[in-house]
Amino acid sequence: MKTESAFSNTINTIEELQELTGKPSELVNNKVINYIDEHCRSFIAKSPFLTISTADEPGFCDVSPRGDAAGFVYVIDEKQLIIPERPGNKRMDSIRNILSNPKIGLLFLIPGLGETLRINGRACVVKDEELLEKMAVDGKKPLLGIGVEVEECFVHCAKAFRRSGLWEPDSWQAKEDLPKGAKILAAHAKLLNIDEQAVGKILEKSYRDNLY
């Protein structure tokens, strides 16, 4: 069902944008590098979580989380890294996108740290056994990896984390008030004989038995 757009007053040119927001400072303009230096390498080594942004050939976008023990992303050299593809739901959205459009954006997070590391580049789907073996956990190596050729690296400021209070436990909502993934999934899937309780059992079994 088509709805009327609520967005009638929009900005449509870079000139309009800059007139409203101003231009970035010299520091911001000069913070981007095109390789993984020792600071980026240290950041990646301490990061247990990142998000991956991809788009398919027509431009339909997707953002997907990846997480593991800190340092799970393997830095090959100053221009290349690889992200292990652990067992998931087999939709393979990021992988499918990369096969049709190799552009990728990464955002590395470290718990408790407001600054994040952004890396942009070109991705490929890797099945090299020697590389995948380096990322094995409990003797189980990933089936695939996402290889990234780095084009941009830069640190993003902490304003979003300070505004949100993301790392401040006092700002967290009570656990009983949080959305329930099983309830949402059951409602969206609308499958016969699968209710919230059944979905919860499926999820818990997957979390318990299929992390690697």
C-alpha atoms as a PDB file:
ATOM      1  CA  MET A   1       0.000   0.000   0.000  1.00  0.00           C
ATOM      2  CA  LYS A   2       1.469   3.312  -1.112  1.00  0.00           C
ATOM      3  CA  THR A   3       1.436   6.117   1.451  1.00  0.00           C
ATOM      4  CA  GLU A   4       1.855   9.837   0.942  1.00  0.00           C
ATOM      5  CA  SER A   5       5.393  10.979   1.665  1.00  0.00           C
ATOM      6  CA  ALA A   6       5.896  12.957   4.858  1.00  0.00           C
ATOM      7  CA  PHE A   7       9.094  14.430   3.411  1.00  0.00           C
ATOM      8  CA  SER A   8       8.016  17.448   1.380  1.00  0.00           C
ATOM      9  CA  ASN A   9      10.759  19.893   2.381  1.00  0.00           C
ATOM     10  CA  THR A  10      14.074  18.325   1.400  1.00  0.00           C
ATOM     11  CA  ILE A  11      17.650  19.285   0.541  1.00  0.00           C
ATOM     12  CA  ASN A  12      18.613  18.257  -2.980  1.00  0.00           C
ATOM     13  CA  THR A  13      22.091  19.669  -3.656  1.00  0.00           C
ATOM     14  CA  ILE A  14      25.494  19.723  -1.963  1.00  0.00           C
ATOM     15  CA  GLU A  15      25.381  23.525  -2.077  1.00  0.00           C
ATOM     16  CA  GLU A  16      22.120  23.583  -0.089  1.00  0.00           C
ATOM     17  CA  LEU A  17      23.597  21.162   2.417  1.00  0.00           C
ATOM     18  CA  GLN A  18      26.768  23.172   2.983  1.00  0.00           C
ATOM     19  CA  GLU A  19      24.801  26.402   3.313  1.00  0.00           C
ATOM     20  CA  LEU A  20      22.833  24.835   6.150  1.00  0.00           C
ATOM     21  CA  THR A  21      25.582  22.863   7.964  1.00  0.00           C
ATOM     22  CA  GLY A  22      28.772  24.662   7.036  1.00  0.00           C
ATOM     23  CA  LYS A  23      31.977  22.983   5.910  1.00  0.00           C
ATOM     24  CA  PRO A  24      34.137  20.494   7.858  1.00  0.00           C
ATOM     25  CA  SER A  25      37.230  21.692   9.694  1.00  0.00           C
ATOM     26  CA  GLU A  26      40.774  21.209   8.449  1.00  0.00           C
ATOM     27  CA  LEU A  27      41.239  18.426  11.025  1.00  0.00           C
ATOM     28  CA  VAL A  28      38.208  16.543   9.731  1.00  0.00           C
ATOM     29  CA  ASN A  29      39.222  17.037   6.097  1.00  0.00           C
ATOM     30  CA  ASN A  30      42.667  15.605   6.773  1.00  0.00           C
ATOM     31  CA  LYS A  31      41.845  12.658   9.042  1.00  0.00           C
ATOM     32  CA  VAL A  32      41.298  10.073   6.294  1.00  0.00           C
ATOM     33  CA  ILE A  33      44.121   7.678   5.393  1.00  0.00           C
ATOM     34  CA  ASN A  34      44.056   4.922   2.769  1.00  0.00           C
ATOM     35  CA  TYR A  35      45.820   2.148   4.666  1.00  0.00           C
ATOM     36  CA  ILE A  36      45.777   0.318   8.001  1.00  0.00           C
ATOM     37  CA  ASP A  37      48.423   1.980  10.167  1.00  0.00           C
ATOM     38  CA  GLU A  38      49.493   0.863  13.650  1.00  0.00           C
ATOM     39  CA  HIS A  39      46.640   2.820  15.280  1.00  0.00           C
ATOM     40  CA  CYS A  40      43.982   1.208  13.086  1.00  0.00           C
ATOM     41  CA  ARG A  41      45.565  -2.201  13.592  1.00  0.00           C
ATOM     42  CA  SER A  42      45.458  -1.756  17.375  1.00  0.00           C
ATOM     43  CA  PHE A  43      41.826  -0.616  17.227  1.00  0.00           C
ATOM     44  CA  ILE A  44      40.809  -3.657  15.150  1.00  0.00           C
ATOM     45  CA  ALA A  45      42.702  -5.982  17.512  1.00  0.00           C
ATOM     46  CA  LYS A  46      40.677  -4.655  20.467  1.00  0.00           C
ATOM     47  CA  SER A  47      37.300  -4.687  18.714  1.00  0.00           C
ATOM     48  CA  PRO A  48      34.862  -7.584  19.313  1.00  0.00           C
ATOM     49  CA  PHE A  49      32.099  -6.106  17.143  1.00  0.00           C
ATOM     50  CA  LEU A  50      31.565  -4.349  13.840  1.00  0.00           C
ATOM     51  CA  THR A  51      28.806  -3.581  11.396  1.00  0.00           C
ATOM     52  CA  ILE A  52      29.092  -4.265   7.672  1.00  0.00           C
ATOM     53  CA  SER A  53      27.321  -2.050   5.147  1.00  0.00           C
ATOM     54  CA  THR A  54      26.737  -3.403   1.644  1.00  0.00           C
ATOM     55  CA  ALA A  55      24.391  -2.776  -1.274  1.00  0.00           C
ATOM     56  CA  ASP A  56      23.240  -4.891  -4.189  1.00  0.00           C
ATOM     57  CA  GLU A  57      23.689  -3.856  -7.821  1.00  0.00           C
ATOM     58  CA  PRO A  58      20.532  -1.663  -7.951  1.00  0.00           C
ATOM     59  CA  GLY A  59      21.604   0.006  -4.683  1.00  0.00           C
ATOM     60  CA  PHE A  60      19.305  -1.664  -2.127  1.00  0.00           C
ATOM     61  CA  CYS A  61      21.289  -1.334   1.122  1.00  0.00           C
ATOM     62  CA  ASP A  62      21.897  -3.640   4.056  1.00  0.00           C
ATOM     63  CA  VAL A  63      23.725  -3.335   7.388  1.00  0.00           C
ATOM     64  CA  SER A  64      24.717  -6.513   9.192  1.00  0.00           C
ATOM     65  CA  PRO A  65      26.441  -7.072  12.569  1.00  0.00           C
ATOM     66  CA  ARG A  66      29.493  -9.267  13.123  1.00  0.00           C
ATOM     67  CA  GLY A  67      30.873 -10.155  16.543  1.00  0.00           C
ATOM     68  CA  ASP A  68      33.361 -12.489  18.168  1.00  0.00           C
ATOM     69  CA  ALA A  69      36.287 -12.369  20.569  1.00  0.00           C
ATOM     70  CA  ALA A  70      38.300  -9.153  20.292  1.00  0.00           C
ATOM     71  CA  GLY A  71      40.668  -9.339  17.352  1.00  0.00           C
ATOM     72  CA  PHE A  72      38.535 -11.774  15.343  1.00  0.00           C
ATOM     73  CA  VAL A  73      39.042  -9.708  12.175  1.00  0.00           C
ATOM     74  CA  TYR A  74      42.376 -10.767  10.702  1.00  0.00           C
ATOM     75  CA  VAL A  75      44.586  -7.975   9.342  1.00  0.00           C
ATOM     76  CA  ILE A  76      46.705  -9.374   6.526  1.00  0.00           C
ATOM     77  CA  ASP A  77      48.711  -6.229   5.770  1.00  0.00           C
ATOM     78  CA  GLU A  78      48.251  -2.465   5.585  1.00  0.00           C
ATOM     79  CA  LYS A  79      45.789  -2.713   2.692  1.00  0.00           C
ATOM     80  CA  GLN A  80      43.908  -5.972   3.328  1.00  0.00           C
ATOM     81  CA  LEU A  81      41.839  -7.598   6.064  1.00  0.00           C
ATOM     82  CA  ILE A  82      39.450 -10.529   6.270  1.00  0.00           C
ATOM     83  CA  ILE A  83      36.265 -11.016   8.304  1.00  0.00           C
ATOM     84  CA  PRO A  84      35.231 -14.593   9.175  1.00  0.00           C
ATOM     85  CA  GLU A  85      31.726 -15.605   8.081  1.00  0.00           C
ATOM     86  CA  ARG A  86      30.440 -17.633  11.036  1.00  0.00           C
ATOM     87  CA  PRO A  87      27.252 -19.756  10.906  1.00  0.00           C
ATOM     88  CA  GLY A  88      24.109 -17.651  10.590  1.00  0.00           C
ATOM     89  CA  ASN A  89      20.608 -17.905   9.189  1.00  0.00           C
ATOM     90  CA  LYS A  90      21.867 -18.731   5.668  1.00  0.00           C
ATOM     91  CA  ARG A  91      20.251 -15.685   4.061  1.00  0.00           C
ATOM     92  CA  MET A  92      23.768 -14.502   3.196  1.00  0.00           C
ATOM     93  CA  ASP A  93      22.571 -10.948   2.511  1.00  0.00           C
ATOM     94  CA  SER A  94      26.026  -9.354   2.796  1.00  0.00           C
ATOM     95  CA  ILE A  95      27.673 -12.091   0.727  1.00  0.00           C
ATOM     96  CA  ARG A  96      25.035 -11.869  -2.003  1.00  0.00           C
ATOM     97  CA  ASN A  97      25.431  -8.101  -2.155  1.00  0.00           C
ATOM     98  CA  ILE A  98      29.215  -8.314  -2.410  1.00  0.00           C
ATOM     99  CA  LEU A  99      28.911 -10.713  -5.349  1.00  0.00           C
ATOM    100  CA  SER A 100      27.004  -8.063  -7.303  1.00  0.00           C
ATOM    101  CA  ASN A 101      28.524  -4.889  -5.834  1.00  0.00           C
ATOM    102  CA  PRO A 102      31.936  -5.066  -4.103  1.00  0.00           C
ATOM    103  CA  LYS A 103      31.722  -1.710  -2.297  1.00  0.00           C
ATOM    104  CA  ILE A 104      31.692  -2.128   1.492  1.00  0.00           C
ATOM    105  CA  GLY A 105      31.710   0.004   4.630  1.00  0.00           C
ATOM    106  CA  LEU A 106      32.837  -1.203   8.074  1.00  0.00           C
ATOM    107  CA  LEU A 107      32.281   0.329  11.511  1.00  0.00           C
ATOM    108  CA  PHE A 108      34.417  -1.127  14.341  1.00  0.00           C
ATOM    109  CA  LEU A 109      33.274  -0.678  17.960  1.00  0.00           C
ATOM    110  CA  ILE A 110      35.062  -1.235  21.266  1.00  0.00           C
ATOM    111  CA  PRO A 111      32.823  -1.498  24.367  1.00  0.00           C
ATOM    112  CA  GLY A 112      33.218   1.561  26.584  1.00  0.00           C
ATOM    113  CA  LEU A 113      34.933   3.641  23.884  1.00  0.00           C
ATOM    114  CA  GLY A 114      32.992   6.436  22.212  1.00  0.00           C
ATOM    115  CA  GLU A 115      35.166   6.763  19.123  1.00  0.00           C
ATOM    116  CA  THR A 116      34.656   4.221  16.331  1.00  0.00           C
ATOM    117  CA  LEU A 117      36.815   3.196  13.393  1.00  0.00           C
ATOM    118  CA  ARG A 118      35.370   3.443   9.909  1.00  0.00           C
ATOM    119  CA  ILE A 119      36.890   1.567   6.995  1.00  0.00           C
ATOM    120  CA  ASN A 120      35.620   1.708   3.417  1.00  0.00           C
ATOM    121  CA  GLY A 121      36.809  -0.330   0.494  1.00  0.00           C
ATOM    122  CA  ARG A 122      36.143  -3.161  -1.924  1.00  0.00           C
ATOM    123  CA  ALA A 123      35.151  -6.640  -0.799  1.00  0.00           C
ATOM    124  CA  CYS A 124      35.351 -10.168  -2.152  1.00  0.00           C
ATOM    125  CA  VAL A 125      34.182 -13.567  -0.926  1.00  0.00           C
ATOM    126  CA  VAL A 126      37.177 -15.664   0.139  1.00  0.00           C
ATOM    127  CA  LYS A 127      37.454 -19.450   0.431  1.00  0.00           C
ATOM    128  CA  ASP A 128      41.248 -19.690   0.801  1.00  0.00           C
ATOM    129  CA  GLU A 129      41.835 -22.501   3.311  1.00  0.00           C
ATOM    130  CA  GLU A 130      45.080 -21.066   4.660  1.00  0.00           C
ATOM    131  CA  LEU A 131      43.463 -17.717   5.501  1.00  0.00           C
ATOM    132  CA  LEU A 132      40.304 -19.278   6.932  1.00  0.00           C
ATOM    133  CA  GLU A 133      42.357 -21.569   9.167  1.00  0.00           C
ATOM    134  CA  LYS A 134      43.858 -18.494  10.874  1.00  0.00           C
ATOM    135  CA  MET A 135      40.380 -17.596  12.140  1.00  0.00           C
ATOM    136  CA  ALA A 136      39.365 -21.044  13.420  1.00  0.00           C
ATOM    137  CA  VAL A 137      37.711 -21.295  16.848  1.00  0.00           C
ATOM    138  CA  ASP A 138      37.737 -24.596  18.758  1.00  0.00           C
ATOM    139  CA  GLY A 139      39.064 -26.257  15.619  1.00  0.00           C
ATOM    140  CA  LYS A 140      36.188 -24.953  13.490  1.00  0.00           C
ATOM    141  CA  LYS A 141      37.226 -22.649  10.695  1.00  0.00           C
ATOM    142  CA  PRO A 142      34.703 -20.367   8.972  1.00  0.00           C
ATOM    143  CA  LEU A 143      33.217 -21.642   5.740  1.00  0.00           C
ATOM    144  CA  LEU A 144      33.930 -18.327   4.018  1.00  0.00           C
ATOM    145  CA  GLY A 145      35.526 -14.994   4.700  1.00  0.00           C
ATOM    146  CA  ILE A 146      34.870 -11.439   3.538  1.00  0.00           C
ATOM    147  CA  GLY A 147      38.098 -10.022   2.185  1.00  0.00           C
ATOM    148  CA  VAL A 148      38.416  -6.242   2.146  1.00  0.00           C
ATOM    149  CA  GLU A 149      40.823  -4.106   0.155  1.00  0.00           C
ATOM    150  CA  VAL A 150      41.080  -0.905   2.178  1.00  0.00           C
ATOM    151  CA  GLU A 151      40.494   2.446   0.490  1.00  0.00           C
ATOM    152  CA  GLU A 152      39.677   4.694   3.476  1.00  0.00           C
ATOM    153  CA  CYS A 153      40.309   4.551   7.239  1.00  0.00           C
ATOM    154  CA  PHE A 154      39.306   7.175   9.764  1.00  0.00           C
ATOM    155  CA  VAL A 155      38.170   7.595  13.353  1.00  0.00           C
ATOM    156  CA  HIS A 156      34.604   8.775  13.939  1.00  0.00           C
ATOM    157  CA  CYS A 157      33.959  11.045  16.927  1.00  0.00           C
ATOM    158  CA  ALA A 158      32.114   9.968  20.085  1.00  0.00           C
ATOM    159  CA  LYS A 159      29.139  12.359  19.937  1.00  0.00           C
ATOM    160  CA  ALA A 160      26.590   9.676  19.016  1.00  0.00           C
ATOM    161  CA  PHE A 161      27.673   7.498  21.949  1.00  0.00           C
ATOM    162  CA  ARG A 162      27.629  10.416  24.378  1.00  0.00           C
ATOM    163  CA  ARG A 163      24.172  11.488  23.239  1.00  0.00           C
ATOM    164  CA  SER A 164      22.787   7.941  23.425  1.00  0.00           C
ATOM    165  CA  GLY A 165      24.530   6.896  26.649  1.00  0.00           C
ATOM    166  CA  LEU A 166      25.081   3.537  24.987  1.00  0.00           C
ATOM    167  CA  TRP A 167      27.951   2.477  27.247  1.00  0.00           C
ATOM    168  CA  GLU A 168      26.377   3.898  30.438  1.00  0.00           C
ATOM    169  CA  PRO A 169      24.518   1.143  32.351  1.00  0.00           C
ATOM    170  CA  ASP A 170      22.456   3.710  34.254  1.00  0.00           C
ATOM    171  CA  SER A 171      20.793   4.692  30.968  1.00  0.00           C
ATOM    172  CA  TRP A 172      19.866   1.122  30.010  1.00  0.00           C
ATOM    173  CA  GLN A 173      16.217   0.081  30.146  1.00  0.00           C
ATOM    174  CA  ALA A 174      15.086  -2.721  32.431  1.00  0.00           C
ATOM    175  CA  LYS A 175      15.538  -6.103  30.783  1.00  0.00           C
ATOM    176  CA  GLU A 176      11.858  -6.977  31.175  1.00  0.00           C
ATOM    177  CA  ASP A 177      10.936  -3.835  29.197  1.00  0.00           C
ATOM    178  CA  LEU A 178      13.116  -4.667  26.191  1.00  0.00           C
ATOM    179  CA  PRO A 179      11.677  -5.929  22.884  1.00  0.00           C
ATOM    180  CA  LYS A 180      11.590  -9.731  22.661  1.00  0.00           C
ATOM    181  CA  GLY A 181      13.232 -11.070  19.529  1.00  0.00           C
ATOM    182  CA  ALA A 182      11.271 -14.329  19.594  1.00  0.00           C
ATOM    183  CA  LYS A 183       7.960 -12.455  19.836  1.00  0.00           C
ATOM    184  CA  ILE A 184       8.836 -10.172  16.931  1.00  0.00           C
ATOM    185  CA  LEU A 185      10.079 -13.037  14.763  1.00  0.00           C
ATOM    186  CA  ALA A 186       6.959 -15.115  15.438  1.00  0.00           C
ATOM    187  CA  ALA A 187       4.718 -12.185  14.526  1.00  0.00           C
ATOM    188  CA  HIS A 188       6.594 -11.379  11.335  1.00  0.00           C
ATOM    189  CA  ALA A 189       6.977 -14.961  10.087  1.00  0.00           C
ATOM    190  CA  LYS A 190       3.284 -15.848  10.599  1.00  0.00           C
ATOM    191  CA  LEU A 191       3.898 -19.597  10.350  1.00  0.00           C
ATOM    192  CA  LEU A 192       1.327 -22.105  11.542  1.00  0.00           C
ATOM    193  CA  ASN A 193       2.140 -23.915  14.786  1.00  0.00           C
ATOM    194  CA  ILE A 194       5.102 -21.629  15.554  1.00  0.00           C
ATOM    195  CA  ASP A 195       4.438 -19.203  18.380  1.00  0.00           C
ATOM    196  CA  GLU A 196       6.740 -17.049  20.508  1.00  0.00           C
ATOM    197  CA  GLN A 197       7.654 -19.946  22.795  1.00  0.00           C
ATOM    198  CA  ALA A 198       8.538 -22.235  19.880  1.00  0.00           C
ATOM    199  CA  VAL A 199      10.625 -19.530  18.202  1.00  0.00           C
ATOM    200  CA  GLY A 200      12.402 -18.891  21.507  1.00  0.00           C
ATOM    201  CA  LYS A 201      13.403 -22.552  21.732  1.00  0.00           C
ATOM    202  CA  ILE A 202      14.682 -22.508  18.141  1.00  0.00           C
ATOM    203  CA  LEU A 203      16.771 -19.402  18.813  1.00  0.00           C
ATOM    204  CA  GLU A 204      18.225 -20.703  22.068  1.00  0.00           C
ATOM    205  CA  LYS A 205      19.235 -23.985  20.425  1.00  0.00           C
ATOM    206  CA  SER A 206      20.925 -22.071  17.615  1.00  0.00           C
ATOM    207  CA  TYR A 207      22.743 -19.793  20.062  1.00  0.00           C
ATOM    208  CA  ARG A 208      23.849 -22.810  22.108  1.00  0.00           C
ATOM    209  CA  ASP A 209      24.858 -25.227  19.353  1.00  0.00           C
ATOM    210  CA  ASN A 210      25.685 -23.202  16.257  1.00  0.00           C
ATOM    211  CA  LEU A 211      27.895 -20.213  17.133  1.00  0.00           C
ATOM    212  CA  TYR A 212      30.798 -21.740  15.242  1.00  0.00           C
END
